[in-house]
Amino acid sequence: MKKITILVFSLANFFAASSAFAIVGGVDINKSEYPQFLKIGGCSGSIVAGRYVLTAAHCEKTAANSAINGNSVTHFIGNPDWIANGYDVGIATLKNIYPVNTVSFLSDVPMIDENVQADIYGWSTGSLKRATMLTRAKDSVVPQALYLKFDNNGHTEQGDSGSPVLINNAIVSIHNGVDGSHEGDFGAITSRIEYSRDFILSTINDWHSPTELKFTGNKTIEIQSLHVNNTNLALRQNNGSLSSGDVTVTGGSCITDGDVAPFGICTLEMKSGPYEGKVVLDDGNEITINRGKKPTPPNPDPDGKGKGGGGGSLGWLTLLGLLGCALRRRD
C-alpha cells in the first residue's frame, strides 16, 4: 500500500518535476572555486570519488553520451527505485579521473527541520550559479524527498536537474524539478542522499577526495569513505602501496583510528617535496600532487670533459684506439 501511495503521488507530480525553473536571480559563482560542480549533458552534477558524477536519474538520456572537457561518460546507472519522487539519483562514470582540488562530501543524516537554508549549484544558464532556498518539514507521504521553497534568492530551471543541494557545506540531496504540490507556494523537489545511500555506496564503493593538489611541505586533508563496509587505509600504508613519487603519507585518522564507517570522514597527513607524487587510495583512484613536476636529470658531464675531450679535442681513449688500428695495419 505504501508503494502504491508513493507511485500515485509521484505520477501526479512527475510532469511538474520534469520541467523545472532555472537558477534565475541567484548568485554568479566562479567555477574555479567550485570545480566539483559540473555541467553534464543538459544537466548539472558533482564529482565524487575521482571519476563519478552524481546527478539525477532522469538525466540519463542527455548525460550518458556526453563528455566533460573531453572526459567521456562510459557508463550511467540510475537508482533502481526511481519510479517515485525522492529516488531520482543517478551516477555517471567517467573514463578518466577528473582533476579537482576540492570536493563536497555527502551526508546521509536526516534533515527534517523547516526553514533551514539550502544552497543549490546549477548550470541551467550556461554558467555556474547558486540559488538559496529554505527546507520544508518532512513529508510523511514521501519522506525520501526533501522539499524546498523559494526564498527570493534565485530559483531553478531545466539544466539544474542533478544539482547538488548543500546544507552546512554537505550534499544532502539531488535536485529533480519543480514542486507543484504546495498550492501558491512553489518550490523544488529533491532526492535525499539518505534514501539512496545503498545505491550510492554499492555503485561507488571507494574513497571520495580531491584528485589534484599542489603543495610542498606538510598538508592534512579530509577524505570520505563511500564504501559499502567499514574500511581504512592502514593496510595500504603498511605494505607501501599508499604513496609513491615525491610524497609520503605520514599519518592521519584514516590510518591510525581504525575503521571508517560508510559516509565517515577521516584525515590523511602528507609530506611532499617539489616534484610529482601520488597517493593511491585504491586501484584506479589516486590523488596526484604537483603533477608534471619532474626533477632535472643530472648532467652526465658537468666539467665538459666527456667524449670529445673538451673543446672538440680527442680524448685519450680515442687516441689509444686509433693507435691500435694503425699498429694492426702495419702487421
Protein backbone atom coordinates (compact mmCIF):
# COMPACT_ATOMS: atom_id res chain seq x y z
CA MET A 1 0.00 0.00 0.00
CA LYS A 2 2.89 2.34 0.81
CA LYS A 3 4.43 1.83 -2.65
CA ILE A 4 1.07 2.44 -4.36
CA THR A 5 0.62 5.70 -2.44
CA ILE A 6 4.11 6.87 -3.37
CA LEU A 7 3.56 5.91 -7.01
CA VAL A 8 0.27 7.82 -7.27
CA PHE A 9 1.83 10.87 -5.66
CA SER A 10 4.84 10.61 -7.97
CA LEU A 11 2.80 10.40 -11.16
CA ALA A 12 0.76 13.40 -10.08
CA ASN A 13 3.93 15.44 -9.73
CA PHE A 14 6.07 13.88 -12.46
CA PHE A 15 5.46 16.42 -15.19
CA ALA A 16 5.89 19.35 -12.84
CA ALA A 17 9.14 17.86 -11.61
CA SER A 18 10.47 17.37 -15.12
CA SER A 19 10.13 20.99 -16.21
CA ALA A 20 11.99 22.82 -13.54
CA PHE A 21 12.53 26.55 -13.25
CA ALA A 22 16.15 27.95 -13.73
CA ILE A 23 18.64 29.40 -11.27
CA VAL A 24 17.45 32.90 -12.05
CA GLY A 25 18.23 35.73 -9.70
CA GLY A 26 20.82 33.58 -7.99
CA VAL A 27 24.47 34.38 -7.35
CA ASP A 28 27.16 34.02 -10.02
CA ILE A 29 29.85 31.60 -8.87
CA ASN A 30 33.48 31.42 -10.01
CA LYS A 31 33.68 27.85 -11.30
CA SER A 32 37.39 27.67 -10.44
CA GLU A 33 36.41 27.92 -6.77
CA TYR A 34 33.89 25.07 -7.12
CA PRO A 35 35.42 22.74 -9.74
CA GLN A 36 33.48 19.81 -8.26
CA PHE A 37 30.17 21.16 -9.60
CA LEU A 38 29.88 20.34 -13.31
CA LYS A 39 27.62 20.57 -16.31
CA ILE A 40 26.94 17.06 -17.65
CA GLY A 41 24.94 16.88 -20.85
CA GLY A 42 21.87 19.06 -20.29
CA CYS A 43 22.02 18.63 -16.51
CA SER A 44 24.22 19.52 -13.54
CA GLY A 45 26.19 17.27 -11.23
CA SER A 46 29.02 16.81 -8.74
CA ILE A 47 32.31 14.93 -8.97
CA VAL A 48 32.52 12.10 -6.45
CA ALA A 49 35.40 9.67 -5.80
CA GLY A 50 37.51 10.82 -8.72
CA ARG A 51 35.64 9.51 -11.73
CA TYR A 52 31.94 9.55 -10.81
CA VAL A 53 29.37 12.30 -11.38
CA LEU A 54 26.41 12.37 -9.00
CA THR A 55 23.34 13.72 -10.80
CA ALA A 56 19.63 12.92 -11.34
CA ALA A 57 18.49 9.56 -12.71
CA HIS A 58 16.21 11.26 -15.25
CA CYS A 59 19.33 12.90 -16.77
CA GLU A 60 20.46 9.59 -18.27
CA LYS A 61 19.37 10.37 -21.83
CA THR A 62 21.35 13.62 -22.02
CA ALA A 63 24.27 12.62 -19.77
CA ALA A 64 25.03 9.04 -20.85
CA ASN A 65 26.60 10.05 -24.18
CA SER A 66 28.26 13.27 -23.03
CA ALA A 67 31.79 14.29 -22.08
CA ILE A 68 33.21 16.81 -19.61
CA ASN A 69 36.22 18.65 -21.00
CA GLY A 70 36.93 15.69 -23.27
CA ASN A 71 36.48 13.14 -20.46
CA SER A 72 33.74 10.89 -21.77
CA VAL A 73 30.98 9.14 -19.84
CA THR A 74 31.42 5.39 -20.15
CA HIS A 75 28.50 4.22 -18.03
CA PHE A 76 25.35 5.62 -16.43
CA ILE A 77 23.18 3.99 -13.79
CA GLY A 78 20.11 5.31 -12.05
CA ASN A 79 18.73 4.31 -8.67
CA PRO A 80 16.59 1.21 -9.36
CA ASP A 81 13.94 2.67 -7.04
CA TRP A 82 13.45 5.70 -9.30
CA ILE A 83 9.77 5.43 -10.03
CA ALA A 84 8.86 7.65 -7.14
CA ASN A 85 9.91 11.17 -6.26
CA GLY A 86 12.78 11.19 -3.82
CA TYR A 87 14.76 8.42 -5.54
CA ASP A 88 15.75 10.40 -8.64
CA VAL A 89 19.51 9.88 -8.21
CA GLY A 90 21.93 8.75 -10.93
CA ILE A 91 25.67 8.18 -11.25
CA ALA A 92 27.73 8.65 -14.42
CA THR A 93 31.17 7.03 -14.66
CA LEU A 94 33.91 8.97 -16.46
CA LYS A 95 36.69 7.35 -18.49
CA ASN A 96 39.43 9.11 -16.53
CA ILE A 97 39.87 10.65 -13.10
CA TYR A 98 38.63 14.24 -13.17
CA PRO A 99 41.04 16.88 -11.75
CA VAL A 100 39.57 18.75 -8.76
CA ASN A 101 41.41 20.31 -5.83
CA THR A 102 38.32 20.41 -3.63
CA VAL A 103 35.19 18.29 -3.17
CA SER A 104 31.89 18.41 -1.32
CA PHE A 105 31.17 15.49 0.98
CA LEU A 106 27.86 13.63 1.01
CA SER A 107 25.61 13.50 4.06
CA ASP A 108 23.09 10.75 4.80
CA VAL A 109 21.92 12.45 8.00
CA PRO A 110 18.13 13.00 8.11
CA MET A 111 17.09 16.62 7.54
CA ILE A 112 13.64 17.26 8.96
CA ASP A 113 13.79 20.83 10.25
CA GLU A 114 11.88 23.54 8.44
CA ASN A 115 13.29 26.85 7.17
CA VAL A 116 16.91 25.68 7.07
CA GLN A 117 18.99 27.34 4.34
CA ALA A 118 19.84 25.07 1.40
CA ASP A 119 22.21 26.09 -1.43
CA ILE A 120 21.79 24.71 -4.96
CA TYR A 121 24.61 24.93 -7.54
CA GLY A 122 23.44 24.57 -11.14
CA TRP A 123 24.37 25.23 -14.77
CA SER A 124 20.97 25.94 -16.38
CA THR A 125 22.04 29.41 -17.54
CA GLY A 126 25.30 28.18 -19.09
CA SER A 127 27.38 29.38 -16.15
CA LEU A 128 27.57 28.19 -12.57
CA LYS A 129 25.07 29.88 -10.26
CA ARG A 130 23.86 29.38 -6.73
CA ALA A 131 20.27 29.63 -5.57
CA THR A 132 19.37 29.69 -1.90
CA MET A 133 16.09 28.10 -0.79
CA LEU A 134 14.54 27.02 2.52
CA THR A 135 13.63 23.49 3.57
CA ARG A 136 10.11 22.35 4.27
CA ALA A 137 9.21 19.95 7.07
CA LYS A 138 9.49 16.27 6.14
CA ASP A 139 6.53 14.98 4.14
CA SER A 140 5.04 11.90 5.79
CA VAL A 141 3.80 10.55 2.43
CA VAL A 142 7.10 10.97 0.56
CA PRO A 143 9.77 11.10 3.30
CA GLN A 144 12.54 10.31 0.83
CA ALA A 145 12.08 13.70 -0.88
CA LEU A 146 13.45 16.95 0.51
CA TYR A 147 11.10 19.76 -0.48
CA LEU A 148 12.40 23.32 -0.79
CA LYS A 149 10.57 26.63 -1.03
CA PHE A 150 11.68 29.81 -2.77
CA ASP A 151 13.33 32.42 -0.60
CA ASN A 152 13.69 35.24 -3.17
CA ASN A 153 17.34 34.25 -3.68
CA GLY A 154 17.09 32.50 -7.02
CA HIS A 155 15.16 29.53 -8.29
CA THR A 156 15.84 26.62 -10.63
CA GLU A 157 15.12 25.66 -14.24
CA GLN A 158 15.78 22.87 -16.75
CA GLY A 159 19.50 22.25 -16.71
CA ASP A 160 19.61 22.40 -12.92
CA SER A 161 18.37 18.82 -12.60
CA GLY A 162 21.05 16.84 -10.81
CA SER A 163 22.37 19.92 -8.99
CA PRO A 164 23.71 19.26 -5.50
CA VAL A 165 21.68 20.62 -2.60
CA LEU A 166 24.02 21.60 0.23
CA ILE A 167 23.25 22.23 3.88
CA ASN A 168 26.18 23.18 6.09
CA ASN A 169 28.51 22.59 3.10
CA ALA A 170 27.48 18.93 2.70
CA ILE A 171 25.42 17.46 -0.14
CA VAL A 172 22.16 16.25 1.42
CA SER A 173 20.04 15.76 -1.70
CA ILE A 174 19.92 15.96 -5.50
CA HIS A 175 17.69 18.45 -7.34
CA ASN A 176 14.98 16.86 -9.51
CA GLY A 177 12.48 19.54 -10.52
CA VAL A 178 9.69 21.89 -9.53
CA ASP A 179 7.45 21.13 -6.56
CA GLY A 180 3.87 21.82 -7.55
CA SER A 181 2.29 20.11 -4.56
CA HIS A 182 2.13 23.23 -2.37
CA GLU A 183 -0.58 25.44 -3.86
CA GLY A 184 0.50 29.05 -4.31
CA ASP A 185 3.92 28.29 -2.84
CA PHE A 186 6.09 26.70 -5.50
CA GLY A 187 9.49 25.27 -4.75
CA ALA A 188 11.69 22.34 -5.66
CA ILE A 189 11.63 18.56 -5.27
CA THR A 190 14.96 16.94 -4.39
CA SER A 191 16.02 13.38 -3.55
CA ARG A 192 17.63 12.77 -0.18
CA ILE A 193 21.05 11.10 -0.09
CA GLU A 194 19.76 9.28 3.00
CA TYR A 195 17.29 7.22 0.95
CA SER A 196 19.73 6.45 -1.90
CA ARG A 197 22.65 5.60 0.37
CA ASP A 198 22.79 1.88 -0.52
CA PHE A 199 22.63 2.63 -4.24
CA ILE A 200 25.41 5.24 -3.94
CA LEU A 201 27.68 3.04 -1.83
CA SER A 202 27.28 -0.10 -3.93
CA THR A 203 27.91 1.83 -7.17
CA ILE A 204 30.97 3.77 -5.96
CA ASN A 205 32.49 1.67 -3.13
CA ASP A 206 35.59 3.88 -2.98
CA TRP A 207 37.20 6.89 -1.29
CA HIS A 208 35.90 10.38 -2.06
CA SER A 209 38.64 13.01 -2.12
CA PRO A 210 40.31 15.78 -4.13
CA THR A 211 42.28 14.38 -7.07
CA GLU A 212 44.80 17.18 -7.79
CA LEU A 213 46.84 19.10 -5.19
CA LYS A 214 49.82 21.42 -5.35
CA PHE A 215 51.94 21.93 -2.26
CA THR A 216 55.40 21.50 -0.78
CA GLY A 217 55.89 20.57 2.85
CA ASN A 218 53.21 19.20 5.18
CA LYS A 219 49.48 19.12 4.49
CA THR A 220 46.46 17.44 6.09
CA ILE A 221 43.33 16.75 4.05
CA GLU A 222 39.96 15.17 4.76
CA ILE A 223 38.59 12.32 2.68
CA GLN A 224 35.29 10.43 2.87
CA SER A 225 34.58 6.72 2.77
CA LEU A 226 31.86 5.79 0.29
CA HIS A 227 32.47 2.07 0.78
CA VAL A 228 29.77 -0.49 1.44
CA ASN A 229 31.61 -1.75 4.51
CA ASN A 230 33.78 -0.20 7.20
CA THR A 231 37.35 0.30 5.99
CA ASN A 232 40.63 2.15 6.49
CA LEU A 233 43.96 2.78 4.75
CA ALA A 234 46.25 1.06 7.26
CA LEU A 235 46.95 -1.97 5.04
CA ARG A 236 47.97 0.15 2.04
CA GLN A 237 50.19 2.27 4.28
CA ASN A 238 51.83 -0.78 5.84
CA ASN A 239 52.52 -2.57 2.54
CA GLY A 240 53.93 0.57 0.92
CA SER A 241 51.26 0.95 -1.78
CA LEU A 242 49.62 4.10 -0.42
CA SER A 243 52.11 6.68 -1.70
CA SER A 244 54.74 6.97 -4.42
CA GLY A 245 56.98 9.58 -6.01
CA ASP A 246 57.83 12.73 -4.08
CA VAL A 247 55.07 12.43 -1.46
CA THR A 248 54.79 10.39 1.71
CA VAL A 249 51.73 9.75 3.87
CA THR A 250 52.93 10.34 7.43
CA GLY A 251 49.73 9.64 9.38
CA GLY A 252 46.11 10.63 9.84
CA SER A 253 42.96 9.11 11.27
CA CYS A 254 42.29 7.12 8.05
CA ILE A 255 45.29 5.01 9.11
CA THR A 256 45.57 5.25 12.88
CA ASP A 257 42.00 5.34 14.22
CA GLY A 258 40.63 2.03 12.99
CA ASP A 259 37.80 1.50 10.54
CA VAL A 260 35.86 4.35 8.96
CA ALA A 261 32.12 3.79 8.59
CA PRO A 262 30.26 4.45 5.30
CA PHE A 263 29.90 8.23 4.78
CA GLY A 264 32.50 8.74 7.52
CA ILE A 265 35.22 11.38 7.13
CA CYS A 266 38.85 10.91 8.18
CA THR A 267 42.20 12.66 7.67
CA LEU A 268 45.41 12.00 5.74
CA GLU A 269 48.66 13.70 6.76
CA MET A 270 51.13 14.08 3.90
CA LYS A 271 54.62 15.43 3.30
CA SER A 272 55.58 16.42 -0.24
CA GLY A 273 58.71 17.61 -1.96
CA PRO A 274 58.58 19.88 -5.03
CA TYR A 275 58.10 17.06 -7.54
CA GLU A 276 55.21 14.84 -8.60
CA GLY A 277 53.90 12.21 -6.25
CA LYS A 278 50.75 10.13 -5.85
CA VAL A 279 48.57 8.92 -3.01
CA VAL A 280 46.88 5.77 -4.28
CA LEU A 281 43.70 5.36 -2.24
CA ASP A 282 42.65 2.31 -4.24
CA ASP A 283 43.46 0.77 -7.59
CA GLY A 284 42.37 3.34 -10.17
CA ASN A 285 41.67 6.06 -7.59
CA GLU A 286 44.54 8.39 -6.75
CA ILE A 287 45.46 11.90 -5.68
CA THR A 288 48.20 13.48 -7.78
CA ILE A 289 50.42 16.05 -6.08
CA ASN A 290 52.44 18.59 -8.11
CA ARG A 291 51.51 16.97 -11.42
CA GLY A 292 54.15 17.18 -14.13
CA LYS A 293 56.95 18.49 -11.93
CA LYS A 294 59.88 16.18 -12.60
CA PRO A 295 63.40 16.51 -11.17
CA THR A 296 66.01 17.82 -13.62
CA PRO A 297 68.19 14.92 -14.79
CA PRO A 298 71.81 15.22 -13.59
CA ASN A 299 74.38 16.49 -16.11
CA PRO A 300 76.50 13.45 -17.08
CA ASP A 301 79.43 15.70 -17.99
CA PRO A 302 79.38 18.69 -15.58
CA ASP A 303 83.05 19.63 -16.30
CA GLY A 304 82.80 19.33 -20.06
CA LYS A 305 85.41 16.55 -20.08
CA GLY A 306 83.37 13.76 -21.57
CA LYS A 307 83.64 12.36 -25.05
CA GLY A 308 85.45 14.80 -27.23
CA GLY A 309 87.97 15.77 -24.51
CA GLY A 310 86.55 19.26 -24.01
CA GLY A 311 86.62 21.89 -26.74
CA GLY A 312 86.48 19.30 -29.52
CA SER A 313 89.91 17.68 -28.91
CA LEU A 314 90.19 13.89 -28.98
CA GLY A 315 90.07 12.06 -25.61
CA TRP A 316 92.90 9.74 -24.60
CA LEU A 317 90.78 6.63 -25.03
CA THR A 318 90.03 7.65 -28.58
CA LEU A 319 93.73 8.20 -29.28
CA LEU A 320 94.61 4.76 -27.92
CA GLY A 321 92.00 3.23 -30.19
CA LEU A 322 93.40 4.97 -33.26
CA LEU A 323 96.93 3.89 -32.33
CA GLY A 324 95.81 0.27 -32.07
CA CYS A 325 94.22 0.43 -35.54
CA ALA A 326 97.44 1.83 -37.01
CA LEU A 327 99.58 -0.95 -35.49
CA ARG A 328 97.26 -3.64 -36.88
CA ARG A 329 97.58 -2.19 -40.37
CA ARG A 330 101.39 -2.35 -40.14
CA ASP A 331 101.23 -6.03 -39.29
